[in-house]
PDB file of N, CA and C in Angstrom:
ATOM      1  N   THR A   1    -227.496-247.239-119.001  1.00  0.00           N
ATOM      2  CA  THR A   1    -228.888-247.254-119.430  1.00  0.00           C
ATOM      3  C   THR A   1    -229.020-247.388-120.945  1.00  0.00           C
ATOM      4  N   ASP A   2    -228.014-246.961-121.693  1.00  0.00           N
ATOM      5  CA  ASP A   2    -228.058-247.067-123.151  1.00  0.00           C
ATOM      6  C   ASP A   2    -227.233-248.250-123.626  1.00  0.00           C
ATOM      7  N   VAL A   3    -227.577-248.744-124.795  1.00  0.00           N
ATOM      8  CA  VAL A   3    -226.803-249.816-125.416  1.00  0.00           C
ATOM      9  C   VAL A   3    -225.586-249.227-126.119  1.00  0.00           C
ATOM     10  N   VAL A   4    -225.748-248.043-126.686  1.00  0.00           N
ATOM     11  CA  VAL A   4    -224.664-247.377-127.401  1.00  0.00           C
ATOM     12  C   VAL A   4    -224.078-246.304-126.490  1.00  0.00           C
ATOM     13  N   VAL A   5    -222.765-246.336-126.294  1.00  0.00           N
ATOM     14  CA  VAL A   5    -222.094-245.376-125.425  1.00  0.00           C
ATOM     15  C   VAL A   5    -220.888-244.788-126.151  1.00  0.00           C
ATOM     16  N   GLN A   6    -220.360-243.719-125.604  1.00  0.00           N
ATOM     17  CA  GLN A   6    -219.156-243.114-126.160  1.00  0.00           C
ATOM     18  C   GLN A   6    -217.961-244.019-125.903  1.00  0.00           C
ATOM     19  N   LEU A   7    -217.131-244.225-126.911  1.00  0.00           N
ATOM     20  CA  LEU A   7    -215.951-245.075-126.767  1.00  0.00           C
ATOM     21  C   LEU A   7    -215.036-244.562-125.661  1.00  0.00           C
ATOM     22  N   SER A   8    -214.895-243.268-125.566  1.00  0.00           N
ATOM     23  CA  SER A   8    -213.995-242.704-124.556  1.00  0.00           C
ATOM     24  C   SER A   8    -214.443-243.036-123.132  1.00  0.00           C
ATOM     25  N   GLU A   9    -215.723-243.290-122.940  1.00  0.00           N
ATOM     26  CA  GLU A   9    -216.243-243.590-121.610  1.00  0.00           C
ATOM     27  C   GLU A   9    -215.991-245.031-121.178  1.00  0.00           C
ATOM     28  N   CYS A  10    -215.841-245.941-122.126  1.00  0.00           N
ATOM     29  CA  CYS A  10    -215.747-247.356-121.753  1.00  0.00           C
ATOM     30  C   CYS A  10    -214.682-248.108-122.544  1.00  0.00           C
ATOM     31  N   ARG A  11    -213.683-247.419-123.030  1.00  0.00           N
ATOM     32  CA  ARG A  11    -212.658-248.046-123.856  1.00  0.00           C
ATOM     33  C   ARG A  11    -211.970-249.219-123.150  1.00  0.00           C
ATOM     34  N   LYS A  12    -211.610-249.041-121.896  1.00  0.00           N
ATOM     35  CA  LYS A  12    -210.907-250.099-121.159  1.00  0.00           C
ATOM     36  C   LYS A  12    -211.755-251.365-121.076  1.00  0.00           C
ATOM     37  N   HIS A  13    -213.034-251.207-120.763  1.00  0.00           N
ATOM     38  CA  HIS A  13    -213.931-252.366-120.655  1.00  0.00           C
ATOM     39  C   HIS A  13    -214.106-253.055-122.012  1.00  0.00           C
ATOM     40  N   LEU A  14    -214.207-252.267-123.064  1.00  0.00           N
ATOM     41  CA  LEU A  14    -214.351-252.836-124.403  1.00  0.00           C
ATOM     42  C   LEU A  14    -213.101-253.611-124.805  1.00  0.00           C
ATOM     43  N   GLU A  15    -211.930-253.077-124.509  1.00  0.00           N
ATOM     44  CA  GLU A  15    -210.681-253.773-124.825  1.00  0.00           C
ATOM     45  C   GLU A  15    -210.577-255.085-124.047  1.00  0.00           C
ATOM     46  N   GLU A  16    -210.983-255.076-122.778  1.00  0.00           N
ATOM     47  CA  GLU A  16    -210.972-256.308-121.977  1.00  0.00           C
ATOM     48  C   GLU A  16    -211.926-257.342-122.560  1.00  0.00           C
ATOM     49  N   LEU A  17    -213.094-256.900-122.999  1.00  0.00           N
ATOM     50  CA  LEU A  17    -214.057-257.812-123.618  1.00  0.00           C
ATOM     51  C   LEU A  17    -213.489-258.424-124.893  1.00  0.00           C
ATOM     52  N   LEU A  18    -212.923-257.604-125.756  1.00  0.00           N
ATOM     53  CA  LEU A  18    -212.362-258.105-127.010  1.00  0.00           C
ATOM     54  C   LEU A  18    -211.220-259.084-126.764  1.00  0.00           C
ATOM     55  N   GLU A  19    -210.422-258.857-125.737  1.00  0.00           N
ATOM     56  CA  GLU A  19    -209.329-259.774-125.411  1.00  0.00           C
ATOM     57  C   GLU A  19    -209.844-261.095-124.849  1.00  0.00           C
ATOM     58  N   SER A  20    -210.988-261.070-124.180  1.00  0.00           N
ATOM     59  CA  SER A  20    -211.508-262.290-123.558  1.00  0.00           C
ATOM     60  C   SER A  20    -212.366-263.142-124.491  1.00  0.00           C
ATOM     61  N   ILE A  21    -212.817-262.610-125.601  1.00  0.00           N
ATOM     62  CA  ILE A  21    -213.700-263.361-126.508  1.00  0.00           C
ATOM     63  C   ILE A  21    -213.102-264.690-126.968  1.00  0.00           C
ATOM     64  N   PRO A  22    -211.842-264.751-127.395  1.00  0.00           N
ATOM     65  CA  PRO A  22    -211.312-266.049-127.834  1.00  0.00           C
ATOM     66  C   PRO A  22    -211.371-267.128-126.752  1.00  0.00           C
ATOM     67  N   THR A  23    -211.101-266.785-125.511  1.00  0.00           N
ATOM     68  CA  THR A  23    -211.153-267.795-124.451  1.00  0.00           C
ATOM     69  C   THR A  23    -212.595-268.115-124.040  1.00  0.00           C
ATOM     70  N   MET A  24    -213.500-267.169-124.199  1.00  0.00           N
ATOM     71  CA  MET A  24    -214.900-267.410-123.851  1.00  0.00           C
ATOM     72  C   MET A  24    -215.524-268.484-124.739  1.00  0.00           C
ATOM     73  N   PHE A  25    -215.098-268.537-125.987  1.00  0.00           N
ATOM     74  CA  PHE A  25    -215.734-269.433-126.939  1.00  0.00           C
ATOM     75  C   PHE A  25    -214.801-270.521-127.464  1.00  0.00           C
ATOM     76  N   GLN A  26    -213.675-270.756-126.806  1.00  0.00           N
ATOM     77  CA  GLN A  26    -212.715-271.733-127.308  1.00  0.00           C
ATOM     78  C   GLN A  26    -213.235-273.163-127.263  1.00  0.00           C
ATOM     79  N   THR A  27    -214.166-273.464-126.371  1.00  0.00           N
ATOM     80  CA  THR A  27    -214.694-274.828-126.284  1.00  0.00           C
ATOM     81  C   THR A  27    -216.013-274.995-127.037  1.00  0.00           C
ATOM     82  N   SER A  28    -216.526-273.929-127.609  1.00  0.00           N
ATOM     83  CA  SER A  28    -217.792-274.000-128.337  1.00  0.00           C
ATOM     84  C   SER A  28    -217.588-274.689-129.682  1.00  0.00           C
ATOM     85  N   LYS A  29    -218.398-275.688-129.938  1.00  0.00           N
ATOM     86  CA  LYS A  29    -218.315-276.427-131.199  1.00  0.00           C
ATOM     87  C   LYS A  29    -219.494-276.121-132.110  1.00  0.00           C
ATOM     88  N   THR A  30    -220.391-275.244-131.681  1.00  0.00           N
ATOM     89  CA  THR A  30    -221.564-274.904-132.468  1.00  0.00           C
ATOM     90  C   THR A  30    -221.160-274.054-133.656  1.00  0.00           C
ATOM     91  N   ALA A  31    -221.554-274.499-134.839  1.00  0.00           N
ATOM     92  CA  ALA A  31    -221.200-273.766-136.057  1.00  0.00           C
ATOM     93  C   ALA A  31    -222.388-273.006-136.626  1.00  0.00           C
ATOM     94  N   GLU A  32    -223.416-272.792-135.809  1.00  0.00           N
ATOM     95  CA  GLU A  32    -224.578-272.062-136.281  1.00  0.00           C
ATOM     96  C   GLU A  32    -224.386-270.568-136.049  1.00  0.00           C
ATOM     97  N   SER A  33    -225.000-269.789-136.930  1.00  0.00           N
ATOM     98  CA  SER A  33    -224.857-268.348-136.853  1.00  0.00           C
ATOM     99  C   SER A  33    -226.222-267.693-137.008  1.00  0.00           C
ATOM    100  N   ALA A  34    -226.570-266.812-136.082  1.00  0.00           N
ATOM    101  CA  ALA A  34    -227.819-266.058-136.137  1.00  0.00           C
ATOM    102  C   ALA A  34    -227.515-264.648-136.640  1.00  0.00           C
ATOM    103  N   PHE A  35    -226.916-264.572-137.807  1.00  0.00           N
ATOM    104  CA  PHE A  35    -226.451-263.315-138.382  1.00  0.00           C
ATOM    105  C   PHE A  35    -227.583-262.303-138.559  1.00  0.00           C
ATOM    106  N   GLY A  36    -228.697-262.747-139.098  1.00  0.00           N
ATOM    107  CA  GLY A  36    -229.817-261.837-139.340  1.00  0.00           C
ATOM    108  C   GLY A  36    -230.326-261.193-138.066  1.00  0.00           C
ATOM    109  N   ALA A  37    -230.481-261.985-137.027  1.00  0.00           N
ATOM    110  CA  ALA A  37    -230.953-261.457-135.748  1.00  0.00           C
ATOM    111  C   ALA A  37    -229.940-260.480-135.152  1.00  0.00           C
ATOM    112  N   ALA A  38    -228.662-260.780-135.294  1.00  0.00           N
ATOM    113  CA  ALA A  38    -227.622-259.894-134.760  1.00  0.00           C
ATOM    114  C   ALA A  38    -227.629-258.549-135.484  1.00  0.00           C
ATOM    115  N   ILE A  39    -227.771-258.583-136.806  1.00  0.00           N
ATOM    116  CA  ILE A  39    -227.806-257.340-137.578  1.00  0.00           C
ATOM    117  C   ILE A  39    -229.043-256.518-137.223  1.00  0.00           C
ATOM    118  N   LYS A  40    -230.187-257.191-137.088  1.00  0.00           N
ATOM    119  CA  LYS A  40    -231.418-256.485-136.731  1.00  0.00           C
ATOM    120  C   LYS A  40    -231.290-255.830-135.358  1.00  0.00           C
ATOM    121  N   ALA A  41    -230.729-256.551-134.381  1.00  0.00           N
ATOM    122  CA  ALA A  41    -230.553-255.989-133.043  1.00  0.00           C
ATOM    123  C   ALA A  41    -229.596-254.806-133.063  1.00  0.00           C
ATOM    124  N   ALA A  42    -228.509-254.916-133.814  1.00  0.00           N
ATOM    125  CA  ALA A  42    -227.544-253.819-133.909  1.00  0.00           C
ATOM    126  C   ALA A  42    -228.186-252.596-134.565  1.00  0.00           C
ATOM    127  N   PHE A  43    -228.958-252.829-135.616  1.00  0.00           N
ATOM    128  CA  PHE A  43    -229.649-251.722-136.282  1.00  0.00           C
ATOM    129  C   PHE A  43    -230.603-251.017-135.326  1.00  0.00           C
ATOM    130  N   LEU A  44    -231.386-251.782-134.587  1.00  0.00           N
ATOM    131  CA  LEU A  44    -232.323-251.185-133.639  1.00  0.00           C
ATOM    132  C   LEU A  44    -231.591-250.410-132.540  1.00  0.00           C
ATOM    133  N   ALA A  45    -230.404-250.876-132.170  1.00  0.00           N
ATOM    134  CA  ALA A  45    -229.638-250.202-131.120  1.00  0.00           C
ATOM    135  C   ALA A  45    -229.094-248.859-131.579  1.00  0.00           C
ATOM    136  N   ILE A  46    -228.740-248.748-132.857  1.00  0.00           N
ATOM    137  CA  ILE A  46    -228.114-247.503-133.326  1.00  0.00           C
ATOM    138  C   ILE A  46    -229.019-246.618-134.168  1.00  0.00           C
ATOM    139  N   LYS A  47    -230.245-247.048-134.430  1.00  0.00           N
ATOM    140  CA  LYS A  47    -231.075-246.270-135.347  1.00  0.00           C
ATOM    141  C   LYS A  47    -231.436-244.888-134.806  1.00  0.00           C
ATOM    142  N   SER A  48    -231.524-244.717-133.510  1.00  0.00           N
ATOM    143  CA  SER A  48    -231.884-243.405-132.966  1.00  0.00           C
ATOM    144  C   SER A  48    -230.712-242.429-132.976  1.00  0.00           C
ATOM    145  N   THR A  49    -229.492-242.939-132.930  1.00  0.00           N
ATOM    146  CA  THR A  49    -228.327-242.065-132.896  1.00  0.00           C
ATOM    147  C   THR A  49    -227.550-242.054-134.198  1.00  0.00           C
ATOM    148  N   GLY A  50    -227.733-243.092-135.011  1.00  0.00           N
ATOM    149  CA  GLY A  50    -226.950-243.216-136.237  1.00  0.00           C
ATOM    150  C   GLY A  50    -225.589-243.805-135.927  1.00  0.00           C
ATOM    151  N   GLY A  51    -224.841-244.054-136.953  1.00  0.00           N
ATOM    152  CA  GLY A  51    -223.515-244.610-136.764  1.00  0.00           C
ATOM    153  C   GLY A  51    -223.172-245.611-137.834  1.00  0.00           C
ATOM    154  N   LYS A  52    -222.105-246.291-137.642  1.00  0.00           N
ATOM    155  CA  LYS A  52    -221.610-247.251-138.612  1.00  0.00           C
ATOM    156  C   LYS A  52    -221.559-248.620-137.953  1.00  0.00           C
ATOM    157  N   LEU A  53    -221.928-249.628-138.717  1.00  0.00           N
ATOM    158  CA  LEU A  53    -221.928-250.999-138.217  1.00  0.00           C
ATOM    159  C   LEU A  53    -220.959-251.806-139.070  1.00  0.00           C
ATOM    160  N   LEU A  54    -219.922-252.340-138.446  1.00  0.00           N
ATOM    161  CA  LEU A  54    -218.963-253.190-139.145  1.00  0.00           C
ATOM    162  C   LEU A  54    -219.221-254.628-138.725  1.00  0.00           C
ATOM    163  N   VAL A  55    -219.342-255.514-139.706  1.00  0.00           N
ATOM    164  CA  VAL A  55    -219.676-256.904-139.425  1.00  0.00           C
ATOM    165  C   VAL A  55    -218.619-257.807-140.040  1.00  0.00           C
ATOM    166  N   PHE A  56    -218.133-258.760-139.257  1.00  0.00           N
ATOM    167  CA  PHE A  56    -217.188-259.761-139.733  1.00  0.00           C
ATOM    168  C   PHE A  56    -217.855-261.113-139.535  1.00  0.00           C
ATOM    169  N   GLN A  57    -218.095-261.812-140.619  1.00  0.00           N
ATOM    170  CA  GLN A  57    -218.828-263.070-140.575  1.00  0.00           C
ATOM    171  C   GLN A  57    -217.960-264.159-141.194  1.00  0.00           C
ATOM    172  N   SER A  58    -217.813-265.286-140.497  1.00  0.00           N
ATOM    173  CA  SER A  58    -216.956-266.354-141.004  1.00  0.00           C
ATOM    174  C   SER A  58    -217.738-267.589-141.452  1.00  0.00           C
ATOM    175  N   VAL A  59    -219.034-267.647-141.158  1.00  0.00           N
ATOM    176  CA  VAL A  59    -219.867-268.768-141.591  1.00  0.00           C
ATOM    177  C   VAL A  59    -221.181-268.221-142.143  1.00  0.00           C
ATOM    178  N   LEU A  60    -221.870-269.030-142.936  1.00  0.00           N
ATOM    179  CA  LEU A  60    -223.173-268.619-143.447  1.00  0.00           C
ATOM    180  C   LEU A  60    -224.175-268.526-142.301  1.00  0.00           C
ATOM    181  N   PRO A  61    -225.090-267.557-142.359  1.00  0.00           N
ATOM    182  CA  PRO A  61    -226.141-267.511-141.351  1.00  0.00           C
ATOM    183  C   PRO A  61    -227.021-268.746-141.479  1.00  0.00           C
ATOM    184  N   SER A  62    -227.126-269.525-140.432  1.00  0.00           N
ATOM    185  CA  SER A  62    -227.795-270.833-140.534  1.00  0.00           C
ATOM    186  C   SER A  62    -229.045-270.961-139.682  1.00  0.00           C
ATOM    187  N   THR A  63    -229.370-269.938-138.915  1.00  0.00           N
ATOM    188  CA  THR A  63    -230.565-270.018-138.075  1.00  0.00           C
ATOM    189  C   THR A  63    -231.204-268.644-137.949  1.00  0.00           C
ATOM    190  N   GLY A  64    -232.508-268.625-137.789  1.00  0.00           N
ATOM    191  CA  GLY A  64    -233.208-267.356-137.587  1.00  0.00           C
ATOM    192  C   GLY A  64    -233.420-266.567-138.858  1.00  0.00           C
ATOM    193  N   ILE A  65    -233.530-265.256-138.716  1.00  0.00           N
ATOM    194  CA  ILE A  65    -233.797-264.351-139.830  1.00  0.00           C
ATOM    195  C   ILE A  65    -232.663-264.432-140.861  1.00  0.00           C
ATOM    196  N   GLY A  66    -233.020-264.612-142.116  1.00  0.00           N
ATOM    197  CA  GLY A  66    -232.024-264.627-143.184  1.00  0.00           C
ATOM    198  C   GLY A  66    -231.144-265.870-143.243  1.00  0.00           C
ATOM    199  N   ALA A  67    -231.597-266.954-142.660  1.00  0.00           N
ATOM    200  CA  ALA A  67    -230.798-268.194-142.650  1.00  0.00           C
ATOM    201  C   ALA A  67    -230.603-268.722-144.072  1.00  0.00           C
ATOM    202  N   LEU A  68    -229.412-269.191-144.346  1.00  0.00           N
ATOM    203  CA  LEU A  68    -229.074-269.802-145.630  1.00  0.00           C
ATOM    204  C   LEU A  68    -228.643-271.238-145.401  1.00  0.00           C
ATOM    205  N   SER A  69    -228.799-272.061-146.420  1.00  0.00           N
ATOM    206  CA  SER A  69    -228.359-273.444-146.272  1.00  0.00           C
ATOM    207  C   SER A  69    -227.298-273.780-147.321  1.00  0.00           C
TER     208      SER A  69
END
């Protein structure tokens, strides 16, 4: 029911997701990034509980909130 959960409760599922990400997007050629929208969604998800948000970005945000050219 929540977006934010305890790591101990779902560690196995999270590890499986992280391992599958490279194959999920290996054929994607889209170089656009909706960085601003992703940060806003993450902030809204954790604002009631607090926490730390780590972001790794490899391209400039090119679409949506905070897009750069």
